[in-house]
Amino acid sequence: MKNTVKVERAKKDMTQQDLAESVGVSRQTINSIESGKYVPSTVLALKICNVFQVKLDEVFKLEDGD
């Protein structure tokens, strides 16, 4: 799964720590999501999108192999 979390975070001028605190996870979790090493749960993905005030499919996209 691809995502634009880093881009959306930059638009809001947020650090990984800021986003992590907003959604209740560690900074390392946000880093893993941004690097594609971790696919967030539906609840976490929705929380992230809520912080950015965007739709889920604007941030998270399925790849051909998903």
PDB file of N, CA and C in Angstrom:
ATOM      1  N   MET A   1       0.845  -1.178   0.000  1.00  0.00           N
ATOM      2  CA  MET A   1       0.000   0.000   0.000  1.00  0.00           C
ATOM      3  C   MET A   1       0.892   1.243   0.000  1.00  0.00           C
ATOM      4  N   LYS A   2       0.588   2.148  -0.908  1.00  0.00           N
ATOM      5  CA  LYS A   2       1.302   3.427  -0.950  1.00  0.00           C
ATOM      6  C   LYS A   2       0.543   4.433  -0.090  1.00  0.00           C
ATOM      7  N   ASN A   3       1.273   5.445   0.365  1.00  0.00           N
ATOM      8  CA  ASN A   3       0.593   6.497   1.114  1.00  0.00           C
ATOM      9  C   ASN A   3       1.324   7.828   0.931  1.00  0.00           C
ATOM     10  N   THR A   4       0.587   8.883   1.226  1.00  0.00           N
ATOM     11  CA  THR A   4       1.140  10.238   1.116  1.00  0.00           C
ATOM     12  C   THR A   4       1.159  10.924   2.489  1.00  0.00           C
ATOM     13  N   VAL A   5       1.337  10.131   3.540  1.00  0.00           N
ATOM     14  CA  VAL A   5       1.324  10.680   4.899  1.00  0.00           C
ATOM     15  C   VAL A   5       2.389  11.760   5.053  1.00  0.00           C
ATOM     16  N   LYS A   6       3.577  11.503   4.540  1.00  0.00           N
ATOM     17  CA  LYS A   6       4.668  12.477   4.685  1.00  0.00           C
ATOM     18  C   LYS A   6       4.316  13.798   3.997  1.00  0.00           C
ATOM     19  N   VAL A   7       3.724  13.701   2.820  1.00  0.00           N
ATOM     20  CA  VAL A   7       3.327  14.896   2.062  1.00  0.00           C
ATOM     21  C   VAL A   7       2.239  15.666   2.814  1.00  0.00           C
ATOM     22  N   GLU A   8       1.234  14.942   3.268  1.00  0.00           N
ATOM     23  CA  GLU A   8       0.136  15.595   3.996  1.00  0.00           C
ATOM     24  C   GLU A   8       0.641  16.219   5.289  1.00  0.00           C
ATOM     25  N   ARG A   9       1.550  15.547   5.946  1.00  0.00           N
ATOM     26  CA  ARG A   9       2.136  16.069   7.187  1.00  0.00           C
ATOM     27  C   ARG A   9       2.901  17.358   6.920  1.00  0.00           C
ATOM     28  N   ALA A  10       3.627  17.384   5.818  1.00  0.00           N
ATOM     29  CA  ALA A  10       4.383  18.582   5.443  1.00  0.00           C
ATOM     30  C   ALA A  10       3.444  19.749   5.135  1.00  0.00           C
ATOM     31  N   LYS A  11       2.324  19.467   4.490  1.00  0.00           N
ATOM     32  CA  LYS A  11       1.350  20.519   4.187  1.00  0.00           C
ATOM     33  C   LYS A  11       0.836  21.184   5.463  1.00  0.00           C
ATOM     34  N   LYS A  12       0.719  20.387   6.528  1.00  0.00           N
ATOM     35  CA  LYS A  12       0.219  20.898   7.809  1.00  0.00           C
ATOM     36  C   LYS A  12       1.357  21.378   8.712  1.00  0.00           C
ATOM     37  N   ASP A  13       2.591  21.300   8.200  1.00  0.00           N
ATOM     38  CA  ASP A  13       3.768  21.703   8.966  1.00  0.00           C
ATOM     39  C   ASP A  13       3.842  20.953  10.297  1.00  0.00           C
ATOM     40  N   MET A  14       3.631  19.637  10.220  1.00  0.00           N
ATOM     41  CA  MET A  14       3.659  18.781  11.412  1.00  0.00           C
ATOM     42  C   MET A  14       4.898  17.897  11.391  1.00  0.00           C
ATOM     43  N   THR A  15       5.430  17.618  12.560  1.00  0.00           N
ATOM     44  CA  THR A  15       6.493  16.631  12.670  1.00  0.00           C
ATOM     45  C   THR A  15       5.861  15.249  12.820  1.00  0.00           C
ATOM     46  N   GLN A  16       6.687  14.219  12.693  1.00  0.00           N
ATOM     47  CA  GLN A  16       6.183  12.868  12.941  1.00  0.00           C
ATOM     48  C   GLN A  16       5.650  12.777  14.369  1.00  0.00           C
ATOM     49  N   GLN A  17       6.336  13.410  15.299  1.00  0.00           N
ATOM     50  CA  GLN A  17       5.906  13.386  16.700  1.00  0.00           C
ATOM     51  C   GLN A  17       4.556  14.065  16.876  1.00  0.00           C
ATOM     52  N   ASP A  18       4.354  15.196  16.202  1.00  0.00           N
ATOM     53  CA  ASP A  18       3.062  15.899  16.273  1.00  0.00           C
ATOM     54  C   ASP A  18       1.925  14.995  15.818  1.00  0.00           C
ATOM     55  N   LEU A  19       2.125  14.343  14.676  1.00  0.00           N
ATOM     56  CA  LEU A  19       1.087  13.463  14.142  1.00  0.00           C
ATOM     57  C   LEU A  19       0.866  12.273  15.065  1.00  0.00           C
ATOM     58  N   ALA A  20       1.953  11.701  15.547  1.00  0.00           N
ATOM     59  CA  ALA A  20       1.856  10.549  16.448  1.00  0.00           C
ATOM     60  C   ALA A  20       1.025  10.887  17.681  1.00  0.00           C
ATOM     61  N   GLU A  21       1.289  12.037  18.274  1.00  0.00           N
ATOM     62  CA  GLU A  21       0.537  12.455  19.458  1.00  0.00           C
ATOM     63  C   GLU A  21      -0.930  12.702  19.126  1.00  0.00           C
ATOM     64  N   SER A  22      -1.196  13.217  17.940  1.00  0.00           N
ATOM     65  CA  SER A  22      -2.577  13.502  17.535  1.00  0.00           C
ATOM     66  C   SER A  22      -3.414  12.237  17.381  1.00  0.00           C
ATOM     67  N   VAL A  23      -2.768  11.140  16.981  1.00  0.00           N
ATOM     68  CA  VAL A  23      -3.524   9.901  16.727  1.00  0.00           C
ATOM     69  C   VAL A  23      -3.253   8.820  17.770  1.00  0.00           C
ATOM     70  N   GLY A  24      -2.385   9.100  18.749  1.00  0.00           N
ATOM     71  CA  GLY A  24      -2.175   8.173  19.849  1.00  0.00           C
ATOM     72  C   GLY A  24      -1.257   6.999  19.570  1.00  0.00           C
ATOM     73  N   VAL A  25      -0.223   7.225  18.755  1.00  0.00           N
ATOM     74  CA  VAL A  25       0.771   6.181  18.491  1.00  0.00           C
ATOM     75  C   VAL A  25       2.166   6.767  18.699  1.00  0.00           C
ATOM     76  N   SER A  26       3.187   5.926  18.523  1.00  0.00           N
ATOM     77  CA  SER A  26       4.562   6.405  18.669  1.00  0.00           C
ATOM     78  C   SER A  26       5.046   7.058  17.375  1.00  0.00           C
ATOM     79  N   ARG A  27       6.087   7.869  17.507  1.00  0.00           N
ATOM     80  CA  ARG A  27       6.704   8.471  16.328  1.00  0.00           C
ATOM     81  C   ARG A  27       7.238   7.385  15.406  1.00  0.00           C
ATOM     82  N   GLN A  28       7.733   6.300  15.983  1.00  0.00           N
ATOM     83  CA  GLN A  28       8.265   5.199  15.188  1.00  0.00           C
ATOM     84  C   GLN A  28       7.185   4.566  14.315  1.00  0.00           C
ATOM     85  N   THR A  29       5.964   4.516  14.823  1.00  0.00           N
ATOM     86  CA  THR A  29       4.850   3.980  14.028  1.00  0.00           C
ATOM     87  C   THR A  29       4.597   4.857  12.818  1.00  0.00           C
ATOM     88  N   ILE A  30       4.589   6.152  13.007  1.00  0.00           N
ATOM     89  CA  ILE A  30       4.391   7.084  11.886  1.00  0.00           C
ATOM     90  C   ILE A  30       5.529   6.928  10.880  1.00  0.00           C
ATOM     91  N   ASN A  31       6.750   6.812  11.367  1.00  0.00           N
ATOM     92  CA  ASN A  31       7.899   6.615  10.488  1.00  0.00           C
ATOM     93  C   ASN A  31       7.742   5.334   9.676  1.00  0.00           C
ATOM     94  N   SER A  32       7.298   4.256  10.312  1.00  0.00           N
ATOM     95  CA  SER A  32       7.110   2.976   9.617  1.00  0.00           C
ATOM     96  C   SER A  32       6.004   3.051   8.568  1.00  0.00           C
ATOM     97  N   ILE A  33       4.950   3.790   8.877  1.00  0.00           N
ATOM     98  CA  ILE A  33       3.866   3.973   7.902  1.00  0.00           C
ATOM     99  C   ILE A  33       4.384   4.751   6.698  1.00  0.00           C
ATOM    100  N   GLU A  34       5.086   5.850   6.957  1.00  0.00           N
ATOM    101  CA  GLU A  34       5.598   6.691   5.868  1.00  0.00           C
ATOM    102  C   GLU A  34       6.564   5.928   4.968  1.00  0.00           C
ATOM    103  N   SER A  35       7.360   5.052   5.554  1.00  0.00           N
ATOM    104  CA  SER A  35       8.345   4.308   4.765  1.00  0.00           C
ATOM    105  C   SER A  35       7.770   3.050   4.125  1.00  0.00           C
ATOM    106  N   GLY A  36       6.496   2.768   4.385  1.00  0.00           N
ATOM    107  CA  GLY A  36       5.853   1.614   3.778  1.00  0.00           C
ATOM    108  C   GLY A  36       6.146   0.290   4.452  1.00  0.00           C
ATOM    109  N   LYS A  37       6.772   0.328   5.619  1.00  0.00           N
ATOM    110  CA  LYS A  37       7.100  -0.901   6.345  1.00  0.00           C
ATOM    111  C   LYS A  37       5.915  -1.411   7.160  1.00  0.00           C
ATOM    112  N   TYR A  38       4.950  -0.552   7.415  1.00  0.00           N
ATOM    113  CA  TYR A  38       3.807  -0.903   8.252  1.00  0.00           C
ATOM    114  C   TYR A  38       2.537  -0.359   7.612  1.00  0.00           C
ATOM    115  N   VAL A  39       1.526  -1.223   7.521  1.00  0.00           N
ATOM    116  CA  VAL A  39       0.216  -0.807   7.014  1.00  0.00           C
ATOM    117  C   VAL A  39      -0.677  -0.583   8.232  1.00  0.00           C
ATOM    118  N   PRO A  40      -1.176   0.625   8.400  1.00  0.00           N
ATOM    119  CA  PRO A  40      -1.974   0.917   9.595  1.00  0.00           C
ATOM    120  C   PRO A  40      -3.326   0.206   9.574  1.00  0.00           C
ATOM    121  N   SER A  41      -3.876   0.028  10.763  1.00  0.00           N
ATOM    122  CA  SER A  41      -5.236  -0.500  10.866  1.00  0.00           C
ATOM    123  C   SER A  41      -6.205   0.506  10.244  1.00  0.00           C
ATOM    124  N   THR A  42      -7.396   0.056   9.988  1.00  0.00           N
ATOM    125  CA  THR A  42      -8.415   0.948   9.431  1.00  0.00           C
ATOM    126  C   THR A  42      -8.666   2.120  10.368  1.00  0.00           C
ATOM    127  N   VAL A  43      -8.750   1.832  11.653  1.00  0.00           N
ATOM    128  CA  VAL A  43      -9.012   2.887  12.638  1.00  0.00           C
ATOM    129  C   VAL A  43      -7.888   3.918  12.633  1.00  0.00           C
ATOM    130  N   LEU A  44      -6.638   3.455  12.626  1.00  0.00           N
ATOM    131  CA  LEU A  44      -5.510   4.382  12.625  1.00  0.00           C
ATOM    132  C   LEU A  44      -5.468   5.185  11.327  1.00  0.00           C
ATOM    133  N   ALA A  45      -5.710   4.538  10.206  1.00  0.00           N
ATOM    134  CA  ALA A  45      -5.721   5.245   8.924  1.00  0.00           C
ATOM    135  C   ALA A  45      -6.793   6.337   8.918  1.00  0.00           C
ATOM    136  N   LEU A  46      -7.958   6.033   9.463  1.00  0.00           N
ATOM    137  CA  LEU A  46      -9.030   7.026   9.532  1.00  0.00           C
ATOM    138  C   LEU A  46      -8.677   8.176  10.470  1.00  0.00           C
ATOM    139  N   LYS A  47      -8.011   7.864  11.583  1.00  0.00           N
ATOM    140  CA  LYS A  47      -7.574   8.923  12.500  1.00  0.00           C
ATOM    141  C   LYS A  47      -6.580   9.857  11.818  1.00  0.00           C
ATOM    142  N   ILE A  48      -5.643   9.275  11.079  1.00  0.00           N
ATOM    143  CA  ILE A  48      -4.649  10.083  10.358  1.00  0.00           C
ATOM    144  C   ILE A  48      -5.339  10.993   9.351  1.00  0.00           C
ATOM    145  N   CYS A  49      -6.270  10.442   8.600  1.00  0.00           N
ATOM    146  CA  CYS A  49      -6.992  11.241   7.601  1.00  0.00           C
ATOM    147  C   CYS A  49      -7.839  12.329   8.260  1.00  0.00           C
ATOM    148  N   ASN A  50      -8.372  12.035   9.424  1.00  0.00           N
ATOM    149  CA  ASN A  50      -9.158  13.026  10.154  1.00  0.00           C
ATOM    150  C   ASN A  50      -8.282  14.215  10.559  1.00  0.00           C
ATOM    151  N   VAL A  51      -7.060  13.935  10.994  1.00  0.00           N
ATOM    152  CA  VAL A  51      -6.128  15.014  11.358  1.00  0.00           C
ATOM    153  C   VAL A  51      -5.854  15.892  10.139  1.00  0.00           C
ATOM    154  N   PHE A  52      -5.668  15.255   8.980  1.00  0.00           N
ATOM    155  CA  PHE A  52      -5.364  15.999   7.750  1.00  0.00           C
ATOM    156  C   PHE A  52      -6.612  16.577   7.090  1.00  0.00           C
ATOM    157  N   GLN A  53      -7.780  16.158   7.542  1.00  0.00           N
ATOM    158  CA  GLN A  53      -9.063  16.577   6.974  1.00  0.00           C
ATOM    159  C   GLN A  53      -9.154  16.252   5.482  1.00  0.00           C
ATOM    160  N   VAL A  54      -8.784  15.006   5.151  1.00  0.00           N
ATOM    161  CA  VAL A  54      -8.871  14.515   3.781  1.00  0.00           C
ATOM    162  C   VAL A  54      -9.519  13.136   3.790  1.00  0.00           C
ATOM    163  N   LYS A  55      -9.966  12.691   2.618  1.00  0.00           N
ATOM    164  CA  LYS A  55     -10.568  11.373   2.489  1.00  0.00           C
ATOM    165  C   LYS A  55      -9.493  10.294   2.518  1.00  0.00           C
ATOM    166  N   LEU A  56      -9.885   9.115   2.958  1.00  0.00           N
ATOM    167  CA  LEU A  56      -8.962   7.994   3.098  1.00  0.00           C
ATOM    168  C   LEU A  56      -8.218   7.696   1.801  1.00  0.00           C
ATOM    169  N   ASP A  57      -8.948   7.673   0.687  1.00  0.00           N
ATOM    170  CA  ASP A  57      -8.305   7.312  -0.582  1.00  0.00           C
ATOM    171  C   ASP A  57      -7.424   8.420  -1.158  1.00  0.00           C
ATOM    172  N   GLU A  58      -7.397   9.564  -0.493  1.00  0.00           N
ATOM    173  CA  GLU A  58      -6.463  10.623  -0.887  1.00  0.00           C
ATOM    174  C   GLU A  58      -5.088  10.402  -0.259  1.00  0.00           C
ATOM    175  N   VAL A  59      -5.024   9.610   0.798  1.00  0.00           N
ATOM    176  CA  VAL A  59      -3.771   9.368   1.511  1.00  0.00           C
ATOM    177  C   VAL A  59      -3.256   7.938   1.290  1.00  0.00           C
ATOM    178  N   PHE A  60      -4.161   6.973   1.327  1.00  0.00           N
ATOM    179  CA  PHE A  60      -3.768   5.570   1.200  1.00  0.00           C
ATOM    180  C   PHE A  60      -4.292   4.978  -0.101  1.00  0.00           C
ATOM    181  N   LYS A  61      -3.380   4.371  -0.867  1.00  0.00           N
ATOM    182  CA  LYS A  61      -3.727   3.805  -2.171  1.00  0.00           C
ATOM    183  C   LYS A  61      -3.224   2.366  -2.265  1.00  0.00           C
ATOM    184  N   LEU A  62      -4.074   1.489  -2.771  1.00  0.00           N
ATOM    185  CA  LEU A  62      -3.666   0.105  -2.987  1.00  0.00           C
ATOM    186  C   LEU A  62      -2.733   0.034  -4.192  1.00  0.00           C
ATOM    187  N   GLU A  63      -1.763  -0.863  -4.093  1.00  0.00           N
ATOM    188  CA  GLU A  63      -0.879  -1.127  -5.230  1.00  0.00           C
ATOM    189  C   GLU A  63      -1.366  -2.403  -5.912  1.00  0.00           C
ATOM    190  N   ASP A  64      -0.849  -2.701  -7.077  1.00  0.00           N
ATOM    191  CA  ASP A  64      -1.291  -3.863  -7.827  1.00  0.00           C
ATOM    192  C   ASP A  64      -1.176  -5.173  -7.041  1.00  0.00           C
ATOM    193  N   GLY A  65      -0.128  -5.323  -6.252  1.00  0.00           N
ATOM    194  CA  GLY A  65       0.084  -6.556  -5.497  1.00  0.00           C
ATOM    195  C   GLY A  65      -0.692  -6.666  -4.211  1.00  0.00           C
ATOM    196  N   ASP A  66      -1.438  -5.652  -3.839  1.00  0.00           N
ATOM    197  CA  ASP A  66      -2.181  -5.659  -2.564  1.00  0.00           C
ATOM    198  C   ASP A  66      -3.462  -6.450  -2.663  1.00  0.00           C
TER     199      ASP A  66
END
